[in-house]
PDB file of N, CA and C in Angstrom:
ATOM      1  N   MET A   1      97.978 103.943 102.883  1.00  0.00           N
ATOM      2  CA  MET A   1      96.557 104.166 103.095  1.00  0.00           C
ATOM      3  C   MET A   1      95.978 102.908 103.733  1.00  0.00           C
ATOM      4  N   SER A   2      95.174 103.169 104.786  1.00  0.00           N
ATOM      5  CA  SER A   2      94.576 102.077 105.477  1.00  0.00           C
ATOM      6  C   SER A   2      93.314 101.670 104.710  1.00  0.00           C
ATOM      7  N   ARG A   3      92.950 100.394 104.918  1.00  0.00           N
ATOM      8  CA  ARG A   3      91.765  99.937 104.262  1.00  0.00           C
ATOM      9  C   ARG A   3      90.538 100.101 105.055  1.00  0.00           C
ATOM     10  N   VAL A   4      89.475 100.675 104.406  1.00  0.00           N
ATOM     11  CA  VAL A   4      88.235 100.996 105.104  1.00  0.00           C
ATOM     12  C   VAL A   4      87.277  99.799 104.850  1.00  0.00           C
ATOM     13  N   ASP A   5      86.579  99.385 105.863  1.00  0.00           N
ATOM     14  CA  ASP A   5      85.609  98.353 105.819  1.00  0.00           C
ATOM     15  C   ASP A   5      84.637  98.680 104.714  1.00  0.00           C
ATOM     16  N   PRO A   6      84.483  97.777 103.693  1.00  0.00           N
ATOM     17  CA  PRO A   6      83.575  98.032 102.642  1.00  0.00           C
ATOM     18  C   PRO A   6      82.111  98.233 103.065  1.00  0.00           C
ATOM     19  N   ALA A   7      81.736  97.759 104.201  1.00  0.00           N
ATOM     20  CA  ALA A   7      80.394  98.029 104.676  1.00  0.00           C
ATOM     21  C   ALA A   7      80.117  99.484 104.955  1.00  0.00           C
ATOM     22  N   LYS A   8      81.197 100.267 105.258  1.00  0.00           N
ATOM     23  CA  LYS A   8      81.043 101.649 105.540  1.00  0.00           C
ATOM     24  C   LYS A   8      80.680 102.327 104.208  1.00  0.00           C
ATOM     25  N   ARG A   9      81.190 101.858 103.063  1.00  0.00           N
ATOM     26  CA  ARG A   9      80.788 102.465 101.800  1.00  0.00           C
ATOM     27  C   ARG A   9      79.275 102.265 101.641  1.00  0.00           C
ATOM     28  N   VAL A  10      78.790 101.075 101.925  1.00  0.00           N
ATOM     29  CA  VAL A  10      77.394 100.856 101.763  1.00  0.00           C
ATOM     30  C   VAL A  10      76.552 101.736 102.773  1.00  0.00           C
ATOM     31  N   ASP A  11      77.087 101.903 103.909  1.00  0.00           N
ATOM     32  CA  ASP A  11      76.370 102.722 104.943  1.00  0.00           C
ATOM     33  C   ASP A  11      76.351 104.173 104.520  1.00  0.00           C
ATOM     34  N   ALA A  12      77.257 104.587 103.674  1.00  0.00           N
ATOM     35  CA  ALA A  12      77.261 106.005 103.201  1.00  0.00           C
ATOM     36  C   ALA A  12      76.217 106.275 102.125  1.00  0.00           C
ATOM     37  N   ILE A  13      75.802 105.262 101.402  1.00  0.00           N
ATOM     38  CA  ILE A  13      74.941 105.485 100.223  1.00  0.00           C
ATOM     39  C   ILE A  13      73.632 106.191 100.526  1.00  0.00           C
ATOM     40  N   LEU A  14      72.823 105.728 101.519  1.00  0.00           N
ATOM     41  CA  LEU A  14      71.517 106.327 101.786  1.00  0.00           C
ATOM     42  C   LEU A  14      71.692 107.749 102.274  1.00  0.00           C
ATOM     43  N   PRO A  15      72.581 108.071 103.205  1.00  0.00           N
ATOM     44  CA  PRO A  15      72.663 109.430 103.607  1.00  0.00           C
ATOM     45  C   PRO A  15      73.074 110.360 102.452  1.00  0.00           C
ATOM     46  N   LEU A  16      73.915 109.942 101.600  1.00  0.00           N
ATOM     47  CA  LEU A  16      74.346 110.702 100.430  1.00  0.00           C
ATOM     48  C   LEU A  16      73.126 110.907  99.489  1.00  0.00           C
ATOM     49  N   VAL A  17      72.296 109.830  99.259  1.00  0.00           N
ATOM     50  CA  VAL A  17      71.139 109.978  98.456  1.00  0.00           C
ATOM     51  C   VAL A  17      70.173 110.934  99.100  1.00  0.00           C
ATOM     52  N   ALA A  18      70.115 110.939 100.429  1.00  0.00           N
ATOM     53  CA  ALA A  18      69.175 111.834 101.097  1.00  0.00           C
ATOM     54  C   ALA A  18      69.619 113.280 101.167  1.00  0.00           C
ATOM     55  N   GLY A  19      70.847 113.527 100.659  1.00  0.00           N
ATOM     56  CA  GLY A  19      71.352 114.852 100.571  1.00  0.00           C
ATOM     57  C   GLY A  19      72.172 115.367 101.704  1.00  0.00           C
ATOM     58  N   GLN A  20      72.578 114.474 102.630  1.00  0.00           N
ATOM     59  CA  GLN A  20      73.413 114.931 103.756  1.00  0.00           C
ATOM     60  C   GLN A  20      74.737 115.360 103.187  1.00  0.00           C
ATOM     61  N   SER A  21      75.400 116.227 103.974  1.00  0.00           N
ATOM     62  CA  SER A  21      76.780 116.749 103.536  1.00  0.00           C
ATOM     63  C   SER A  21      77.771 115.611 103.641  1.00  0.00           C
ATOM     64  N   GLN A  22      78.819 115.791 102.916  1.00  0.00           N
ATOM     65  CA  GLN A  22      79.952 114.752 102.984  1.00  0.00           C
ATOM     66  C   GLN A  22      80.424 114.701 104.394  1.00  0.00           C
ATOM     67  N   ARG A  23      80.588 115.813 105.044  1.00  0.00           N
ATOM     68  CA  ARG A  23      81.110 115.822 106.450  1.00  0.00           C
ATOM     69  C   ARG A  23      80.159 115.016 107.362  1.00  0.00           C
ATOM     70  N   ALA A  24      78.845 115.275 107.263  1.00  0.00           N
ATOM     71  CA  ALA A  24      77.861 114.610 108.098  1.00  0.00           C
ATOM     72  C   ALA A  24      77.856 113.077 107.804  1.00  0.00           C
ATOM     73  N   VAL A  25      78.004 112.762 106.536  1.00  0.00           N
ATOM     74  CA  VAL A  25      78.023 111.322 106.204  1.00  0.00           C
ATOM     75  C   VAL A  25      79.282 110.659 106.737  1.00  0.00           C
ATOM     76  N   ALA A  26      80.380 111.365 106.607  1.00  0.00           N
ATOM     77  CA  ALA A  26      81.686 110.844 107.137  1.00  0.00           C
ATOM     78  C   ALA A  26      81.587 110.598 108.652  1.00  0.00           C
ATOM     79  N   GLU A  27      80.958 111.539 109.360  1.00  0.00           N
ATOM     80  CA  GLU A  27      80.818 111.356 110.837  1.00  0.00           C
ATOM     81  C   GLU A  27      79.909 110.215 111.137  1.00  0.00           C
ATOM     82  N   SER A  28      78.843 110.077 110.377  1.00  0.00           N
ATOM     83  CA  SER A  28      77.921 108.977 110.698  1.00  0.00           C
ATOM     84  C   SER A  28      78.436 107.624 110.415  1.00  0.00           C
ATOM     85  N   VAL A  29      79.310 107.530 109.437  1.00  0.00           N
ATOM     86  CA  VAL A  29      79.847 106.118 109.073  1.00  0.00           C
ATOM     87  C   VAL A  29      81.214 105.875 109.729  1.00  0.00           C
ATOM     88  N   GLY A  30      81.801 106.926 110.373  1.00  0.00           N
ATOM     89  CA  GLY A  30      83.032 106.735 111.030  1.00  0.00           C
ATOM     90  C   GLY A  30      84.303 106.815 110.159  1.00  0.00           C
ATOM     91  N   VAL A  31      84.289 107.701 109.183  1.00  0.00           N
ATOM     92  CA  VAL A  31      85.479 107.844 108.291  1.00  0.00           C
ATOM     93  C   VAL A  31      85.773 109.320 108.204  1.00  0.00           C
ATOM     94  N   HIS A  32      86.978 109.687 107.674  1.00  0.00           N
ATOM     95  CA  HIS A  32      87.362 111.064 107.507  1.00  0.00           C
ATOM     96  C   HIS A  32      86.586 111.572 106.232  1.00  0.00           C
ATOM     97  N   PRO A  33      86.225 112.868 106.194  1.00  0.00           N
ATOM     98  CA  PRO A  33      85.596 113.411 105.045  1.00  0.00           C
ATOM     99  C   PRO A  33      86.330 113.256 103.777  1.00  0.00           C
ATOM    100  N   SER A  34      87.633 113.185 103.858  1.00  0.00           N
ATOM    101  CA  SER A  34      88.415 112.960 102.579  1.00  0.00           C
ATOM    102  C   SER A  34      88.185 111.557 102.046  1.00  0.00           C
ATOM    103  N   THR A  35      87.826 110.626 102.916  1.00  0.00           N
ATOM    104  CA  THR A  35      87.428 109.281 102.423  1.00  0.00           C
ATOM    105  C   THR A  35      86.198 109.338 101.618  1.00  0.00           C
ATOM    106  N   ILE A  36      85.204 110.141 102.063  1.00  0.00           N
ATOM    107  CA  ILE A  36      83.939 110.258 101.232  1.00  0.00           C
ATOM    108  C   ILE A  36      84.285 110.886  99.961  1.00  0.00           C
ATOM    109  N   ARG A  37      85.131 111.935  99.884  1.00  0.00           N
ATOM    110  CA  ARG A  37      85.514 112.566  98.599  1.00  0.00           C
ATOM    111  C   ARG A  37      86.172 111.499  97.725  1.00  0.00           C
ATOM    112  N   ALA A  38      87.026 110.679  98.247  1.00  0.00           N
ATOM    113  CA  ALA A  38      87.676 109.668  97.474  1.00  0.00           C
ATOM    114  C   ALA A  38      86.691 108.731  96.875  1.00  0.00           C
ATOM    115  N   TRP A  39      85.692 108.251  97.723  1.00  0.00           N
ATOM    116  CA  TRP A  39      84.696 107.332  97.229  1.00  0.00           C
ATOM    117  C   TRP A  39      83.896 107.946  96.044  1.00  0.00           C
ATOM    118  N   LEU A  40      83.647 109.243  96.170  1.00  0.00           N
ATOM    119  CA  LEU A  40      82.904 109.949  95.149  1.00  0.00           C
ATOM    120  C   LEU A  40      83.659 110.127  93.858  1.00  0.00           C
ATOM    121  N   LYS A  41      84.920 109.778  93.870  1.00  0.00           N
ATOM    122  CA  LYS A  41      85.718 109.741  92.595  1.00  0.00           C
ATOM    123  C   LYS A  41      85.831 108.293  92.118  1.00  0.00           C
ATOM    124  N   ASP A  42      85.412 107.298  92.867  1.00  0.00           N
ATOM    125  CA  ASP A  42      85.533 105.947  92.458  1.00  0.00           C
ATOM    126  C   ASP A  42      84.269 105.608  91.595  1.00  0.00           C
ATOM    127  N   PRO A  43      84.557 105.219  90.320  1.00  0.00           N
ATOM    128  CA  PRO A  43      83.374 104.945  89.428  1.00  0.00           C
ATOM    129  C   PRO A  43      82.486 103.804  89.879  1.00  0.00           C
ATOM    130  N   VAL A  44      83.005 102.884  90.560  1.00  0.00           N
ATOM    131  CA  VAL A  44      82.198 101.748  91.079  1.00  0.00           C
ATOM    132  C   VAL A  44      81.223 102.253  92.121  1.00  0.00           C
ATOM    133  N   PHE A  45      81.756 103.037  93.099  1.00  0.00           N
ATOM    134  CA  PHE A  45      80.920 103.610  94.154  1.00  0.00           C
ATOM    135  C   PHE A  45      79.852 104.599  93.600  1.00  0.00           C
ATOM    136  N   VAL A  46      80.267 105.396  92.669  1.00  0.00           N
ATOM    137  CA  VAL A  46      79.389 106.375  92.038  1.00  0.00           C
ATOM    138  C   VAL A  46      78.284 105.704  91.279  1.00  0.00           C
ATOM    139  N   ARG A  47      78.604 104.597  90.601  1.00  0.00           N
ATOM    140  CA  ARG A  47      77.555 103.849  89.861  1.00  0.00           C
ATOM    141  C   ARG A  47      76.523 103.337  90.875  1.00  0.00           C
ATOM    142  N   GLU A  48      76.960 102.768  91.952  1.00  0.00           N
ATOM    143  CA  GLU A  48      76.022 102.248  92.973  1.00  0.00           C
ATOM    144  C   GLU A  48      75.197 103.427  93.567  1.00  0.00           C
ATOM    145  N   LEU A  49      75.853 104.451  93.874  1.00  0.00           N
ATOM    146  CA  LEU A  49      75.158 105.637  94.384  1.00  0.00           C
ATOM    147  C   LEU A  49      74.099 106.128  93.411  1.00  0.00           C
ATOM    148  N   ASP A  50      74.488 106.220  92.137  1.00  0.00           N
ATOM    149  CA  ASP A  50      73.518 106.691  91.121  1.00  0.00           C
ATOM    150  C   ASP A  50      72.336 105.762  90.963  1.00  0.00           C
ATOM    151  N   LEU A  51      72.605 104.493  91.059  1.00  0.00           N
ATOM    152  CA  LEU A  51      71.521 103.510  90.933  1.00  0.00           C
ATOM    153  C   LEU A  51      70.442 103.699  92.060  1.00  0.00           C
ATOM    154  N   VAL A  52      70.949 103.880  93.283  1.00  0.00           N
ATOM    155  CA  VAL A  52      70.037 104.082  94.392  1.00  0.00           C
ATOM    156  C   VAL A  52      69.353 105.471  94.285  1.00  0.00           C
ATOM    157  N   ARG A  53      70.095 106.474  93.865  1.00  0.00           N
ATOM    158  CA  ARG A  53      69.511 107.780  93.612  1.00  0.00           C
ATOM    159  C   ARG A  53      68.325 107.725  92.667  1.00  0.00           C
ATOM    160  N   GLU A  54      68.614 107.055  91.566  1.00  0.00           N
ATOM    161  CA  GLU A  54      67.608 106.960  90.453  1.00  0.00           C
ATOM    162  C   GLU A  54      66.409 106.154  91.004  1.00  0.00           C
ATOM    163  N   LEU A  55      66.546 105.149  91.742  1.00  0.00           N
ATOM    164  CA  LEU A  55      65.452 104.380  92.305  1.00  0.00           C
ATOM    165  C   LEU A  55      64.663 105.256  93.273  1.00  0.00           C
ATOM    166  N   ALA A  56      65.390 105.981  94.142  1.00  0.00           N
ATOM    167  CA  ALA A  56      64.701 106.862  95.118  1.00  0.00           C
ATOM    168  C   ALA A  56      63.945 107.987  94.452  1.00  0.00           C
ATOM    169  N   ALA A  57      64.433 108.451  93.328  1.00  0.00           N
ATOM    170  CA  ALA A  57      63.732 109.476  92.631  1.00  0.00           C
ATOM    171  C   ALA A  57      62.462 108.979  91.973  1.00  0.00           C
ATOM    172  N   ARG A  58      62.547 107.707  91.420  1.00  0.00           N
ATOM    173  CA  ARG A  58      61.403 107.055  90.727  1.00  0.00           C
ATOM    174  C   ARG A  58      60.330 106.604  91.788  1.00  0.00           C
ATOM    175  N   LYS A  59      60.789 106.032  92.900  1.00  0.00           N
ATOM    176  CA  LYS A  59      59.899 105.441  93.866  1.00  0.00           C
ATOM    177  C   LYS A  59      60.287 105.875  95.279  1.00  0.00           C
ATOM    178  N   PRO A  60      60.134 107.141  95.564  1.00  0.00           N
ATOM    179  CA  PRO A  60      60.592 107.683  96.845  1.00  0.00           C
ATOM    180  C   PRO A  60      59.875 107.089  98.080  1.00  0.00           C
ATOM    181  N   LEU A  61      58.717 106.607  97.940  1.00  0.00           N
ATOM    182  CA  LEU A  61      57.964 106.003  99.056  1.00  0.00           C
ATOM    183  C   LEU A  61      57.993 104.518  99.101  1.00  0.00           C
ATOM    184  N   ASP A  62      58.743 103.865  98.185  1.00  0.00           N
ATOM    185  CA  ASP A  62      58.828 102.443  98.114  1.00  0.00           C
ATOM    186  C   ASP A  62      60.053 101.924  98.930  1.00  0.00           C
ATOM    187  N   ALA A  63      59.895 101.910 100.224  1.00  0.00           N
ATOM    188  CA  ALA A  63      61.024 101.595 101.107  1.00  0.00           C
ATOM    189  C   ALA A  63      61.466 100.124 100.866  1.00  0.00           C
ATOM    190  N   GLU A  64      60.529  99.190 100.488  1.00  0.00           N
ATOM    191  CA  GLU A  64      60.937  97.818 100.218  1.00  0.00           C
ATOM    192  C   GLU A  64      61.932  97.769  99.044  1.00  0.00           C
ATOM    193  N   ALA A  65      61.609  98.475  97.922  1.00  0.00           N
ATOM    194  CA  ALA A  65      62.408  98.490  96.754  1.00  0.00           C
ATOM    195  C   ALA A  65      63.836  99.081  97.029  1.00  0.00           C
ATOM    196  N   ILE A  66      63.808 100.075  97.868  1.00  0.00           N
ATOM    197  CA  ILE A  66      65.110 100.774  98.211  1.00  0.00           C
ATOM    198  C   ILE A  66      65.909  99.748  99.085  1.00  0.00           C
ATOM    199  N   LEU A  67      65.275  99.092 100.048  1.00  0.00           N
ATOM    200  CA  LEU A  67      66.043  98.080 100.838  1.00  0.00           C
ATOM    201  C   LEU A  67      66.548  96.948 100.043  1.00  0.00           C
ATOM    202  N   VAL A  68      65.774  96.457  99.073  1.00  0.00           N
ATOM    203  CA  VAL A  68      66.203  95.385  98.142  1.00  0.00           C
ATOM    204  C   VAL A  68      67.432  95.920  97.373  1.00  0.00           C
ATOM    205  N   ALA A  69      67.371  97.132  96.898  1.00  0.00           N
ATOM    206  CA  ALA A  69      68.461  97.735  96.103  1.00  0.00           C
ATOM    207  C   ALA A  69      69.671  97.857  96.933  1.00  0.00           C
ATOM    208  N   MET A  70      69.573  98.192  98.290  1.00  0.00           N
ATOM    209  CA  MET A  70      70.705  98.329  99.160  1.00  0.00           C
ATOM    210  C   MET A  70      71.311  96.985  99.471  1.00  0.00           C
ATOM    211  N   ASP A  71      70.489  95.879  99.497  1.00  0.00           N
ATOM    212  CA  ASP A  71      71.052  94.549  99.659  1.00  0.00           C
ATOM    213  C   ASP A  71      71.935  94.185  98.532  1.00  0.00           C
ATOM    214  N   GLU A  72      71.495  94.564  97.268  1.00  0.00           N
ATOM    215  CA  GLU A  72      72.262  94.329  96.082  1.00  0.00           C
ATOM    216  C   GLU A  72      73.538  95.119  96.016  1.00  0.00           C
ATOM    217  N   VAL A  73      73.431  96.364  96.419  1.00  0.00           N
ATOM    218  CA  VAL A  73      74.637  97.220  96.520  1.00  0.00           C
ATOM    219  C   VAL A  73      75.610  96.592  97.480  1.00  0.00           C
ATOM    220  N   GLN A  74      75.155  96.152  98.634  1.00  0.00           N
ATOM    221  CA  GLN A  74      76.070  95.567  99.629  1.00  0.00           C
ATOM    222  C   GLN A  74      76.734  94.339  99.014  1.00  0.00           C
ATOM    223  N   ALA A  75      75.998  93.560  98.313  1.00  0.00           N
ATOM    224  CA  ALA A  75      76.592  92.323  97.739  1.00  0.00           C
ATOM    225  C   ALA A  75      77.708  92.679  96.720  1.00  0.00           C
ATOM    226  N   ARG A  76      77.443  93.775  95.961  1.00  0.00           N
ATOM    227  CA  ARG A  76      78.456  94.154  94.966  1.00  0.00           C
ATOM    228  C   ARG A  76      79.638  94.879  95.533  1.00  0.00           C
ATOM    229  N   LEU A  77      79.429  95.733  96.516  1.00  0.00           N
ATOM    230  CA  LEU A  77      80.489  96.527  97.149  1.00  0.00           C
ATOM    231  C   LEU A  77      81.312  95.724  98.101  1.00  0.00           C
ATOM    232  N   CYS A  78      80.656  94.838  98.898  1.00  0.00           N
ATOM    233  CA  CYS A  78      81.338  94.088  99.916  1.00  0.00           C
ATOM    234  C   CYS A  78      81.980  92.828  99.364  1.00  0.00           C
ATOM    235  N   GLY A  79      81.354  92.306  98.274  1.00  0.00           N
ATOM    236  CA  GLY A  79      81.862  91.122  97.670  1.00  0.00           C
ATOM    237  C   GLY A  79      81.775  89.873  98.598  1.00  0.00           C
ATOM    238  N   SER A  80      81.954  88.774  98.039  1.00  0.00           N
ATOM    239  CA  SER A  80      81.983  87.585  98.789  1.00  0.00           C
ATOM    240  C   SER A  80      83.095  86.588  98.352  1.00  0.00           C
ATOM    241  N   GLY A  81      84.072  87.224  97.657  1.00  0.00           N
ATOM    242  CA  GLY A  81      85.160  86.460  97.143  1.00  0.00           C
ATOM    243  C   GLY A  81      86.215  86.155  98.212  1.00  0.00           C
ATOM    244  N   PRO A  82      87.360  85.595  97.764  1.00  0.00           N
ATOM    245  CA  PRO A  82      88.394  85.282  98.758  1.00  0.00           C
ATOM    246  C   PRO A  82      89.005  86.539  99.347  1.00  0.00           C
ATOM    247  N   VAL A  83      89.520  86.355 100.532  1.00  0.00           N
ATOM    248  CA  VAL A  83      90.203  87.474 101.190  1.00  0.00           C
ATOM    249  C   VAL A  83      91.688  87.369 100.806  1.00  0.00           C
ATOM    250  N   THR A  84      92.280  88.428 100.453  1.00  0.00           N
ATOM    251  CA  THR A  84      93.691  88.462 100.104  1.00  0.00           C
ATOM    252  C   THR A  84      94.493  89.102 101.289  1.00  0.00           C
ATOM    253  N   VAL A  85      95.514  88.474 101.707  1.00  0.00           N
ATOM    254  CA  VAL A  85      96.386  89.019 102.730  1.00  0.00           C
ATOM    255  C   VAL A  85      97.750  89.186 102.122  1.00  0.00           C
ATOM    256  N   VAL A  86      98.288  90.457 102.143  1.00  0.00           N
ATOM    257  CA  VAL A  86      99.571  90.754 101.659  1.00  0.00           C
ATOM    258  C   VAL A  86     100.586  90.871 102.795  1.00  0.00           C
ATOM    259  N   ILE A  87     101.587  90.007 102.727  1.00  0.00           N
ATOM    260  CA  ILE A  87     102.580  90.062 103.816  1.00  0.00           C
ATOM    261  C   ILE A  87     103.837  90.629 103.131  1.00  0.00           C
ATOM    262  N   PRO A  88     104.300  91.813 103.602  1.00  0.00           N
ATOM    263  CA  PRO A  88     105.447  92.419 102.965  1.00  0.00           C
ATOM    264  C   PRO A  88     106.730  91.593 103.215  1.00  0.00           C
ATOM    265  N   PRO A  89     107.577  91.675 102.301  1.00  0.00           N
ATOM    266  CA  PRO A  89     108.878  90.924 102.462  1.00  0.00           C
ATOM    267  C   PRO A  89     109.562  91.470 103.741  1.00  0.00           C
ATOM    268  N   GLY A  90     110.208  90.542 104.494  1.00  0.00           N
ATOM    269  CA  GLY A  90     110.849  90.928 105.698  1.00  0.00           C
ATOM    270  C   GLY A  90     109.989  91.184 106.881  1.00  0.00           C
ATOM    271  N   ALA A  91     108.707  90.873 106.750  1.00  0.00           N
ATOM    272  CA  ALA A  91     107.773  91.113 107.895  1.00  0.00           C
ATOM    273  C   ALA A  91     108.172  90.144 109.029  1.00  0.00           C
ATOM    274  N   SER A  92     108.151  90.631 110.220  1.00  0.00           N
ATOM    275  CA  SER A  92     108.439  89.808 111.387  1.00  0.00           C
ATOM    276  C   SER A  92     107.319  88.721 111.585  1.00  0.00           C
ATOM    277  N   PRO A  93     107.708  87.631 112.320  1.00  0.00           N
ATOM    278  CA  PRO A  93     106.656  86.638 112.629  1.00  0.00           C
ATOM    279  C   PRO A  93     105.451  87.216 113.283  1.00  0.00           C
ATOM    280  N   ARG A  94     105.649  88.147 114.167  1.00  0.00           N
ATOM    281  CA  ARG A  94     104.534  88.800 114.840  1.00  0.00           C
ATOM    282  C   ARG A  94     103.700  89.541 113.882  1.00  0.00           C
ATOM    283  N   ARG A  95     104.257  90.296 112.958  1.00  0.00           N
ATOM    284  CA  ARG A  95     103.551  91.079 111.958  1.00  0.00           C
ATOM    285  C   ARG A  95     102.763  90.150 111.046  1.00  0.00           C
ATOM    286  N   ARG A  96     103.407  89.044 110.618  1.00  0.00           N
ATOM    287  CA  ARG A  96     102.748  88.025 109.776  1.00  0.00           C
ATOM    288  C   ARG A  96     101.517  87.472 110.438  1.00  0.00           C
ATOM    289  N   ARG A  97     101.617  87.091 111.757  1.00  0.00           N
ATOM    290  CA  ARG A  97     100.441  86.553 112.429  1.00  0.00           C
ATOM    291  C   ARG A  97      99.363  87.530 112.557  1.00  0.00           C
ATOM    292  N   LYS A  98      99.736  88.851 112.793  1.00  0.00           N
ATOM    293  CA  LYS A  98      98.682  89.885 112.910  1.00  0.00           C
ATOM    294  C   LYS A  98      98.008  90.080 111.568  1.00  0.00           C
ATOM    295  N   LEU A  99      98.733  90.099 110.506  1.00  0.00           N
ATOM    296  CA  LEU A  99      98.052  90.232 109.132  1.00  0.00           C
ATOM    297  C   LEU A  99      97.183  89.059 108.795  1.00  0.00           C
ATOM    298  N   LEU A 100      97.643  87.821 109.115  1.00  0.00           N
ATOM    299  CA  LEU A 100      96.857  86.614 108.831  1.00  0.00           C
ATOM    300  C   LEU A 100      95.628  86.595 109.731  1.00  0.00           C
ATOM    301  N   ALA A 101      95.755  87.047 111.003  1.00  0.00           N
ATOM    302  CA  ALA A 101      94.613  87.090 111.881  1.00  0.00           C
ATOM    303  C   ALA A 101      93.545  88.046 111.328  1.00  0.00           C
ATOM    304  N   GLY A 102      93.976  89.192 110.825  1.00  0.00           N
ATOM    305  CA  GLY A 102      93.086  90.146 110.260  1.00  0.00           C
ATOM    306  C   GLY A 102      92.337  89.608 109.040  1.00  0.00           C
ATOM    307  N   GLY A 103      93.067  88.813 108.166  1.00  0.00           N
ATOM    308  CA  GLY A 103      92.460  88.219 107.044  1.00  0.00           C
ATOM    309  C   GLY A 103      91.431  87.193 107.432  1.00  0.00           C
ATOM    310  N   ILE A 104      91.745  86.384 108.405  1.00  0.00           N
ATOM    311  CA  ILE A 104      90.790  85.294 108.893  1.00  0.00           C
ATOM    312  C   ILE A 104      89.549  86.073 109.479  1.00  0.00           C
ATOM    313  N   ALA A 105      89.766  87.088 110.265  1.00  0.00           N
ATOM    314  CA  ALA A 105      88.614  87.809 110.785  1.00  0.00           C
ATOM    315  C   ALA A 105      87.710  88.375 109.667  1.00  0.00           C
ATOM    316  N   GLN A 106      88.372  88.924 108.666  1.00  0.00           N
ATOM    317  CA  GLN A 106      87.591  89.487 107.525  1.00  0.00           C
ATOM    318  C   GLN A 106      86.797  88.362 106.807  1.00  0.00           C
ATOM    319  N   ALA A 107      87.436  87.230 106.600  1.00  0.00           N
ATOM    320  CA  ALA A 107      86.711  86.056 105.928  1.00  0.00           C
ATOM    321  C   ALA A 107      85.571  85.600 106.826  1.00  0.00           C
ATOM    322  N   LEU A 108      85.744  85.519 108.100  1.00  0.00           N
ATOM    323  CA  LEU A 108      84.665  85.086 108.994  1.00  0.00           C
ATOM    324  C   LEU A 108      83.511  86.123 109.002  1.00  0.00           C
ATOM    325  N   GLU A 109      83.877  87.419 108.929  1.00  0.00           N
ATOM    326  CA  GLU A 109      82.800  88.425 108.969  1.00  0.00           C
ATOM    327  C   GLU A 109      82.025  88.292 107.635  1.00  0.00           C
ATOM    328  N   ARG A 110      82.702  88.018 106.463  1.00  0.00           N
ATOM    329  CA  ARG A 110      82.008  87.912 105.248  1.00  0.00           C
ATOM    330  C   ARG A 110      81.099  86.677 105.275  1.00  0.00           C
ATOM    331  N   ALA A 111      81.580  85.567 105.896  1.00  0.00           N
ATOM    332  CA  ALA A 111      80.820  84.336 105.902  1.00  0.00           C
ATOM    333  C   ALA A 111      79.576  84.452 106.825  1.00  0.00           C
ATOM    334  N   GLU A 112      79.651  85.452 107.780  1.00  0.00           N
ATOM    335  CA  GLU A 112      78.507  85.668 108.690  1.00  0.00           C
ATOM    336  C   GLU A 112      77.553  86.698 108.060  1.00  0.00           C
ATOM    337  N   GLY A 113      77.845  87.134 106.870  1.00  0.00           N
ATOM    338  CA  GLY A 113      76.966  88.064 106.150  1.00  0.00           C
ATOM    339  C   GLY A 113      77.317  89.515 106.452  1.00  0.00           C
ATOM    340  N   GLY A 114      78.565  89.797 106.781  1.00  0.00           N
ATOM    341  CA  GLY A 114      78.968  91.151 106.946  1.00  0.00           C
ATOM    342  C   GLY A 114      78.520  91.782 108.346  1.00  0.00           C
ATOM    343  N   ALA A 115      78.232  90.900 109.293  1.00  0.00           N
ATOM    344  CA  ALA A 115      77.831  91.424 110.613  1.00  0.00           C
ATOM    345  C   ALA A 115      78.822  92.435 111.083  1.00  0.00           C
ATOM    346  N   ARG A 116      78.401  93.482 111.613  1.00  0.00           N
ATOM    347  CA  ARG A 116      79.313  94.605 112.059  1.00  0.00           C
ATOM    348  C   ARG A 116      79.386  94.566 113.600  1.00  0.00           C
TER     349      ARG A 116
END
């Protein structure tokens, strides 16, 4: 299974809260619809989705509160901890360099605030 950019999970929250179909959300964030279904089975993602849904139900016109909540969701889902790079045994030097470069790019992206 390939790893999906955690920011895409954050990008899927508001369209799901707004009632868009899983297929439409998948197309808008650039993932396969089965990825959205998998996220909807993930208790961490569902908890974040439910928090934003509940806020939107209580304060549907308070865009500032919803944006603040989305910033918090992004911090929790995207994390700011260390990047882990797994190099399989027997990986060629070229493959090791590619995996490490990907890890470095991910760490730099996090350091820049998740710029896409």
